[in-house]
């Protein structure tokens, strides 16, 4: 159902025009980007998250959750939420319901940090897993434990973790999932040639480096349906020392490969030097944090609260 509150300006402001994305009839094109909150104690989302997300929900608007761990080995930071245990699924349910009560659509971002982690966040204090055993340099605020390279026969287990997490997300009431394939986390660590130094079928050529990503997409779409699955990619980014020597080639290969799965969308993080973009939807992060009523402010051309980067 179209949201009439946007009808007065939707013909003149492109962001406020409706958009049909399969079964998601969006009333506007402003999406809340996934943003880590680190307030999920014991990796269980807390009740206050219902207020946070529902404040930013609009009838026919799309929200993407903070990065949500798919398994014990997925975690990178303290107090990030997960969705591999029943307790976590149950904790997400009232949060999802709060968004739905506002008429919004809500996707769960499925995440595995890979080597961007510390043994204190890992089960039994083990080394984090990755495509490589190359360590990530520490910065002033983080110290990362050198990772353990996944054996070839272990990779299918991680793929299955994504599948089970997707099923759990649907059980929690989410409308679908976004696979986190960006910003130097595990999936990105397989795709990028500055990180992936494998010599098996998951390393070397572009096709081999993207194999893990596509296996995750196939498993998740088979589990919950392609019309409930999106993915976030950042081929041009170098976050967490995860860059690629040919980012445009990587981006094009992944976009073409996604076509055969007919998934819901590809959420692309653009290079910072990009000045013009053709897109169907636009995800806002910091502005949505500082302005819970962001779509309404755009509609009224009202001033925006300035975000506090700290």
Foldseek 3Di string as FASTA:
>chain_A
DADCVLVVCCVPDVQQPWDDQPPQTARGFEEADADWDLAQAPQADDPVLLVVQLLQAAARYYYEYHEEELDLLQDADHRHHYQPDPRRLQRLQSSLVSNVVRNGAYAYEYTGAAQNHFLVSHPPSDFREACDQDHFDDDPPDDTGRHDHDDPVCLVVVLVSLQSSQVSCVVSPHQAYEYECEQNGHNLLLQAQQRRPDDPQSDDDNCNSNVSVVSSLVSNCVRPNQARYEYEYEQCDCHSNRHHPCSVVSVVVVVVSVVVRNHRYYHYDDDPVDDDDDDNHDHDYQQCSQPSHVVVCVSVVHDGDDGDPD
